[in-house]
Each structure stands twice: as C-alpha cells, then as structure tokens.
Amino acid sequence: MTRDPADLTVADYLDGAREMTAANRPYLAFLLAEEAARHTTDPATAAGIRASFPDPTTSREEN
C-alpha cells in the first residue's frame, strides 16, 4: 500500500472503487471512480468509468 496519493494509478483508484461497491459503499466508490476518471487522458475511457460508477446522490427518489 502506498502512503503518497500521488503514487496512485488509475487502476488503484478503480480497484478501490470496486472494493467500495462490494462493501456497499456506493458514494465512496463514486468518489474513487471520479478520481480515476480525472487521471485518465482518454475522454471515452473517463466517460466509461463515470458511467460504471454513477453518483448515488443524484438517483435518490424523494418520498
């Protein structure tokens, strides 16, 4: 495990996002995926990452 966030790669962020999804932590997964997308140079890849981990706060239904 790295101690310096500057050493993290896109793959590291995506691994974390998947782990947070498996742990039922969708907002943390979204934040990690968003950081992965920010570090991606290809816009299509970034869009795919964002589509895979949507913001859970925008999909809430009001009761």
Protein backbone atom coordinates (compact mmCIF):
# COMPACT_ATOMS: atom_id res chain seq x y z
CA MET A 1 0.00 0.00 0.00
CA THR A 2 1.30 3.40 -0.91
CA ARG A 3 1.33 6.27 1.55
CA ASP A 4 1.57 9.02 -1.06
CA PRO A 5 -1.65 9.65 -3.03
CA ALA A 6 0.48 10.96 -5.91
CA ASP A 7 1.74 7.41 -6.41
CA LEU A 8 -1.75 6.01 -7.03
CA THR A 9 -2.66 4.92 -10.54
CA VAL A 10 -5.97 4.80 -12.35
CA ALA A 11 -6.01 1.05 -11.68
CA ASP A 12 -5.51 1.68 -7.95
CA TYR A 13 -8.48 4.04 -7.86
CA LEU A 14 -10.65 1.60 -9.81
CA ASP A 15 -9.66 -1.29 -7.54
CA GLY A 16 -10.70 0.83 -4.58
CA ALA A 17 -13.98 1.74 -6.28
CA ARG A 18 -14.75 -1.94 -6.87
CA GLU A 19 -13.92 -2.75 -3.26
CA MET A 20 -16.24 0.01 -2.04
CA THR A 21 -19.01 -1.25 -4.32
CA ALA A 22 -18.59 -4.75 -2.88
CA ALA A 23 -18.71 -3.27 0.64
CA ASN A 24 -21.98 -1.46 -0.22
CA ARG A 25 -20.32 1.97 -0.03
CA PRO A 26 -21.57 3.48 -3.31
CA TYR A 27 -20.61 7.08 -2.58
CA LEU A 28 -17.02 6.17 -1.77
CA ALA A 29 -16.96 4.03 -4.91
CA PHE A 30 -18.21 7.02 -6.90
CA LEU A 31 -15.53 9.31 -5.43
CA LEU A 32 -12.73 6.86 -6.19
CA ALA A 33 -14.03 6.30 -9.72
CA GLU A 34 -14.28 10.04 -10.27
CA GLU A 35 -10.64 10.39 -9.28
CA ALA A 36 -9.74 7.58 -11.69
CA ALA A 37 -11.62 9.37 -14.46
CA ARG A 38 -9.79 12.62 -13.68
CA HIS A 39 -6.46 10.83 -14.07
CA THR A 40 -7.45 9.27 -17.40
CA THR A 41 -6.29 11.07 -20.53
CA ASP A 42 -8.80 9.46 -22.90
CA PRO A 43 -12.24 11.14 -22.69
CA ALA A 44 -14.06 7.98 -23.79
CA THR A 45 -12.40 5.92 -21.08
CA ALA A 46 -13.20 8.59 -18.49
CA ALA A 47 -16.84 8.60 -19.61
CA GLY A 48 -16.96 4.81 -19.32
CA ILE A 49 -15.58 4.95 -15.79
CA ARG A 50 -18.14 7.57 -14.80
CA ALA A 51 -20.95 5.52 -16.32
CA SER A 52 -19.84 2.45 -14.39
CA PHE A 53 -19.92 4.27 -11.04
CA PRO A 54 -22.74 6.86 -11.16
CA ASP A 55 -23.27 9.40 -8.39
CA PRO A 56 -25.65 7.68 -5.96
CA THR A 57 -26.87 11.01 -4.58
CA THR A 58 -28.47 12.01 -7.89
CA SER A 59 -30.51 8.82 -8.20
CA ARG A 60 -32.36 9.10 -4.89
CA GLU A 61 -36.12 9.31 -5.04
CA GLU A 62 -37.97 11.68 -2.78
CA ASN A 63 -40.72 10.09 -0.69
